[in-house]
Amino acid sequence: MTSETDDDAEKEAIRGRVWDDLEESATARFPFPPHGRIPNFAGAKEATERLADQPEWEEATTIKTNPDAPQLPVRRRALRDGKTVYMAVPRLRDERCFLELDPDVLEDYDEATTVSGSAKHGVQVGPDALAPIDLIVAGSVAVADGGRIGKGEGYSDLEYAICRELDLVDETTPVATTVHERQLVDDDLEFDAHDVPMDLVITPERTIRPDGDAPPGGIDWRLLDEKRLTEIPVLSRLQKRQS
């Protein structure tokens, strides 16, 4: 059995390998370089169109997604389909730690779904103001057998855990990611209990429905140090609720 340190090192090696491959193959798209970020890729719009054909998308009225470039088409398609979009503010640093993009209020969907535009046109709200979330779309650096590898900062999984604590999602809420085929890896990884498995992995060419593990049930407080608890106001509030 590998240690947590070994797993972290293996994931970091996979990130580096995928970033290099996307760059060297000219698959990466702006912003450059792909390294150190959720990488944008050729075919991101086509992957979004494939996602929008899935029943989970069609049934959703609220979608939580990440703010990164490859999911920009996801955010725009969601608004055009009349869905409310939620995005976390960077590093969950505010008490009102989500941005709400309401298609009935916004006029320029293209502007409102960019990183800078969402901060300008979105409404910053606290978690208690969110409607129940019907679908989560996460950005990925790589995907291994339905297990998502992000940038390594842990915010996507933490956002999910916070939403579970607040009953905004449950074990039936589907979680999807859009990636390029080159981001799918064959490495045999052991994912942790707090890692959120993907129910849908969408590439420009195909739809994959992994037989993943059960999603985490909420926040694993043992994984959070005092620095993170201090920096993220909603965690402090939820911790007080636990005591």
Protein backbone atom coordinates (compact mmCIF):
# COMPACT_ATOMS: atom_id res chain seq x y z
CA MET A 1 0.00 0.00 0.00
CA THR A 2 1.41 3.38 -0.94
CA SER A 3 1.66 6.22 1.53
CA GLU A 4 -0.12 9.55 1.14
CA THR A 5 3.23 11.11 0.27
CA ASP A 6 3.79 8.51 -2.44
CA ASP A 7 0.30 9.13 -3.84
CA ASP A 8 0.87 12.89 -3.88
CA ALA A 9 4.18 12.43 -5.70
CA GLU A 10 2.57 10.14 -8.25
CA LYS A 11 -0.25 12.59 -8.91
CA GLU A 12 2.25 15.42 -9.32
CA ALA A 13 4.20 13.33 -11.82
CA ILE A 14 0.99 12.71 -13.78
CA ARG A 15 0.19 16.43 -13.79
CA GLY A 16 3.61 17.24 -15.19
CA ARG A 17 3.33 14.54 -17.82
CA VAL A 18 -0.12 15.68 -18.98
CA TRP A 19 0.81 19.36 -19.02
CA ASP A 20 3.92 18.60 -21.07
CA ASP A 21 1.97 16.43 -23.49
CA LEU A 22 -0.76 19.01 -24.05
CA GLU A 23 1.85 21.65 -24.79
CA GLU A 24 4.09 19.51 -26.98
CA SER A 25 1.17 18.14 -29.00
CA ALA A 26 -0.26 21.64 -29.57
CA THR A 27 -3.48 20.46 -27.93
CA ALA A 28 -3.36 23.16 -25.24
CA ARG A 29 -5.23 26.38 -25.83
CA PHE A 30 -5.00 29.86 -24.25
CA PRO A 31 -4.02 30.64 -21.54
CA PHE A 32 -0.45 29.45 -21.91
CA PRO A 33 1.44 27.64 -20.64
CA PRO A 34 -0.96 24.86 -19.55
CA HIS A 35 1.28 24.11 -16.57
CA GLY A 36 0.09 24.98 -13.09
CA ARG A 37 -3.56 25.36 -14.10
CA ILE A 38 -6.64 23.47 -15.22
CA PRO A 39 -5.49 23.31 -18.84
CA ASN A 40 -7.60 24.57 -21.70
CA PHE A 41 -7.73 22.23 -24.67
CA ALA A 42 -8.75 21.96 -28.30
CA GLY A 43 -12.32 20.70 -28.45
CA ALA A 44 -13.54 22.18 -25.17
CA LYS A 45 -16.65 23.50 -26.92
CA GLU A 46 -17.35 20.12 -28.52
CA ALA A 47 -17.00 18.44 -25.12
CA THR A 48 -19.51 20.93 -23.72
CA GLU A 49 -21.97 20.12 -26.49
CA ARG A 50 -21.64 16.43 -25.70
CA LEU A 51 -22.20 17.16 -22.00
CA ALA A 52 -25.31 19.17 -22.86
CA ASP A 53 -26.76 16.11 -24.60
CA GLN A 54 -26.68 14.08 -21.39
CA PRO A 55 -29.83 13.60 -19.28
CA GLU A 56 -28.08 14.95 -16.19
CA TRP A 57 -27.63 18.26 -17.98
CA GLU A 58 -31.12 18.37 -19.41
CA GLU A 59 -32.66 17.74 -15.97
CA ALA A 60 -30.54 20.33 -14.15
CA THR A 61 -31.75 23.83 -13.37
CA THR A 62 -28.74 24.76 -11.21
CA ILE A 63 -25.11 23.97 -12.02
CA LYS A 64 -22.00 24.54 -9.96
CA THR A 65 -18.87 24.83 -12.06
CA ASN A 66 -15.28 25.96 -11.82
CA PRO A 67 -14.05 29.30 -13.23
CA ASP A 68 -11.30 27.90 -15.46
CA ALA A 69 -10.92 28.45 -19.21
CA PRO A 70 -11.82 24.95 -20.48
CA GLN A 71 -15.19 25.17 -18.71
CA LEU A 72 -16.00 28.61 -20.15
CA PRO A 73 -18.19 26.95 -22.82
CA VAL A 74 -19.97 25.04 -20.04
CA ARG A 75 -20.84 28.25 -18.22
CA ARG A 76 -22.05 29.96 -21.39
CA ARG A 77 -24.12 26.97 -22.52
CA ALA A 78 -25.68 26.68 -19.06
CA LEU A 79 -26.85 30.30 -19.08
CA ARG A 80 -28.14 30.00 -22.64
CA ASP A 81 -30.10 26.92 -21.57
CA GLY A 82 -31.67 28.93 -18.75
CA LYS A 83 -29.71 27.35 -15.90
CA THR A 84 -28.44 29.22 -12.86
CA VAL A 85 -24.66 28.92 -12.52
CA TYR A 86 -22.75 28.97 -9.24
CA MET A 87 -19.00 29.48 -9.02
CA ALA A 88 -16.83 29.62 -5.91
CA VAL A 89 -14.90 32.82 -5.28
CA PRO A 90 -11.12 32.25 -5.40
CA ARG A 91 -9.95 30.16 -2.46
CA LEU A 92 -13.36 30.57 -0.76
CA ARG A 93 -11.85 33.59 0.93
CA ASP A 94 -15.09 35.49 1.67
CA GLU A 95 -18.08 34.71 3.87
CA ARG A 96 -20.16 35.11 0.72
CA CYS A 97 -18.03 32.56 -1.03
CA PHE A 98 -20.06 31.88 -4.18
CA LEU A 99 -20.94 33.88 -7.28
CA GLU A 100 -24.43 33.46 -8.69
CA LEU A 101 -25.01 33.93 -12.41
CA ASP A 102 -28.74 34.20 -13.07
CA PRO A 103 -29.70 33.91 -16.76
CA ASP A 104 -32.88 35.92 -16.13
CA VAL A 105 -30.89 38.90 -14.85
CA LEU A 106 -27.73 38.93 -16.96
CA GLU A 107 -27.68 40.60 -20.36
CA ASP A 108 -24.26 39.63 -21.77
CA TYR A 109 -23.65 35.94 -21.11
CA ASP A 110 -20.28 35.94 -22.87
CA GLU A 111 -18.91 38.71 -20.67
CA ALA A 112 -20.50 37.42 -17.46
CA THR A 113 -18.93 33.98 -17.75
CA THR A 114 -15.30 35.11 -17.98
CA VAL A 115 -13.26 35.21 -14.78
CA SER A 116 -13.22 39.00 -14.62
CA GLY A 117 -16.76 39.34 -15.93
CA SER A 118 -18.23 36.93 -13.41
CA ALA A 119 -16.80 39.00 -10.56
CA LYS A 120 -18.29 42.13 -12.11
CA HIS A 121 -21.71 40.85 -13.18
CA GLY A 122 -22.29 37.94 -10.81
CA VAL A 123 -23.93 38.34 -7.42
CA GLN A 124 -21.75 37.27 -4.51
CA VAL A 125 -23.79 35.17 -2.09
CA GLY A 126 -23.24 33.04 0.98
CA PRO A 127 -23.78 29.28 0.86
CA ASP A 128 -27.11 29.61 2.64
CA ALA A 129 -28.44 31.60 -0.34
CA LEU A 130 -27.73 28.84 -2.86
CA ALA A 131 -30.51 26.72 -4.29
CA PRO A 132 -29.91 22.94 -4.23
CA ILE A 133 -27.35 22.04 -6.90
CA ASP A 134 -28.46 19.63 -9.63
CA LEU A 135 -25.13 19.08 -11.38
CA ILE A 136 -21.48 19.80 -10.61
CA VAL A 137 -18.94 20.31 -13.39
CA ALA A 138 -15.31 20.21 -12.27
CA GLY A 139 -12.12 21.05 -14.11
CA SER A 140 -9.37 18.44 -14.26
CA VAL A 141 -5.71 18.17 -15.09
CA ALA A 142 -6.08 14.41 -15.58
CA VAL A 143 -8.59 11.63 -15.00
CA ALA A 144 -7.65 8.07 -14.05
CA ASP A 145 -10.50 5.54 -14.15
CA GLY A 146 -13.02 8.14 -13.02
CA GLY A 147 -10.74 9.60 -10.38
CA ARG A 148 -10.07 13.29 -10.87
CA ILE A 149 -6.62 14.86 -10.53
CA GLY A 150 -6.81 18.64 -10.11
CA LYS A 151 -4.08 21.20 -9.59
CA GLY A 152 -3.32 19.76 -6.17
CA GLU A 153 -4.72 22.56 -3.98
CA GLY A 154 -7.82 20.64 -2.93
CA TYR A 155 -10.37 23.42 -3.36
CA SER A 156 -12.70 21.57 -5.71
CA ASP A 157 -13.09 18.67 -3.28
CA LEU A 158 -13.44 21.10 -0.38
CA GLU A 159 -16.19 23.01 -2.17
CA TYR A 160 -18.03 19.73 -2.67
CA ALA A 161 -17.63 18.84 1.01
CA ILE A 162 -18.98 22.22 2.08
CA CYS A 163 -21.98 21.75 -0.18
CA ARG A 164 -22.60 18.32 1.35
CA GLU A 165 -22.46 19.78 4.85
CA LEU A 166 -25.06 22.36 3.84
CA ASP A 167 -27.31 19.79 2.09
CA LEU A 168 -26.88 21.55 -1.25
CA VAL A 169 -25.80 18.25 -2.81
CA ASP A 170 -26.18 14.63 -1.79
CA GLU A 171 -24.83 11.27 -2.87
CA THR A 172 -27.08 11.28 -5.96
CA THR A 173 -25.86 14.64 -7.32
CA PRO A 174 -23.93 13.90 -10.52
CA VAL A 175 -20.39 15.23 -10.91
CA ALA A 176 -18.93 15.68 -14.39
CA THR A 177 -15.71 16.87 -15.95
CA THR A 178 -14.84 17.91 -19.51
CA VAL A 179 -11.33 16.98 -20.70
CA HIS A 180 -9.32 16.10 -23.78
CA GLU A 181 -8.59 12.46 -24.57
CA ARG A 182 -4.93 13.17 -23.79
CA GLN A 183 -5.92 13.95 -20.20
CA LEU A 184 -7.17 10.39 -19.65
CA VAL A 185 -4.41 8.32 -18.06
CA ASP A 186 -4.04 4.61 -17.34
CA ASP A 187 -2.13 4.97 -14.08
CA ASP A 188 -3.38 2.76 -11.25
CA LEU A 189 -3.99 5.26 -8.47
CA GLU A 190 -5.51 4.89 -5.04
CA PHE A 191 -7.72 7.90 -4.41
CA ASP A 192 -8.52 9.17 -0.92
CA ALA A 193 -11.93 9.12 0.74
CA HIS A 194 -12.25 12.91 0.36
CA ASP A 195 -11.58 12.80 -3.39
CA VAL A 196 -14.81 13.29 -5.33
CA PRO A 197 -15.26 10.63 -8.04
CA MET A 198 -16.60 11.55 -11.46
CA ASP A 199 -19.95 10.23 -12.64
CA LEU A 200 -19.43 11.62 -16.14
CA VAL A 201 -16.15 12.11 -17.99
CA ILE A 202 -16.77 13.95 -21.25
CA THR A 203 -14.25 14.37 -24.05
CA PRO A 204 -14.90 15.83 -27.50
CA GLU A 205 -15.14 12.25 -28.82
CA ARG A 206 -16.99 10.25 -26.16
CA THR A 207 -18.94 10.03 -22.93
CA ILE A 208 -17.56 7.84 -20.15
CA ARG A 209 -19.59 6.77 -17.13
CA PRO A 210 -17.11 5.28 -14.65
CA ASP A 211 -18.13 2.84 -11.94
CA GLY A 212 -16.63 5.03 -9.25
CA ASP A 213 -16.59 4.93 -5.49
CA ALA A 214 -19.23 6.58 -3.34
CA PRO A 215 -18.71 10.33 -2.94
CA PRO A 216 -17.47 11.75 0.38
CA GLY A 217 -20.16 12.52 2.92
CA GLY A 218 -18.94 15.91 4.02
CA ILE A 219 -15.92 17.67 5.48
CA ASP A 220 -13.11 15.57 6.92
CA TRP A 221 -12.00 18.01 9.60
CA ARG A 222 -8.84 16.03 10.27
CA LEU A 223 -7.44 17.19 6.93
CA LEU A 224 -7.81 20.92 7.65
CA ASP A 225 -5.11 22.84 9.47
CA GLU A 226 -5.66 26.04 11.43
CA LYS A 227 -4.38 28.18 8.58
CA ARG A 228 -7.06 26.95 6.20
CA LEU A 229 -9.76 27.19 8.87
CA THR A 230 -8.78 30.78 9.51
CA GLU A 231 -8.57 31.73 5.84
CA ILE A 232 -11.98 30.28 4.87
CA PRO A 233 -14.79 31.90 6.90
CA VAL A 234 -17.44 29.34 5.99
CA LEU A 235 -15.31 26.57 7.51
CA SER A 236 -15.11 28.39 10.83
CA ARG A 237 -18.88 28.75 10.82
CA LEU A 238 -19.47 25.11 9.99
CA GLN A 239 -16.98 24.00 12.62
CA LYS A 240 -18.86 25.97 15.28
CA ARG A 241 -22.04 24.25 14.15
CA GLN A 242 -20.35 20.89 14.79
CA SER A 243 -19.45 21.76 18.39
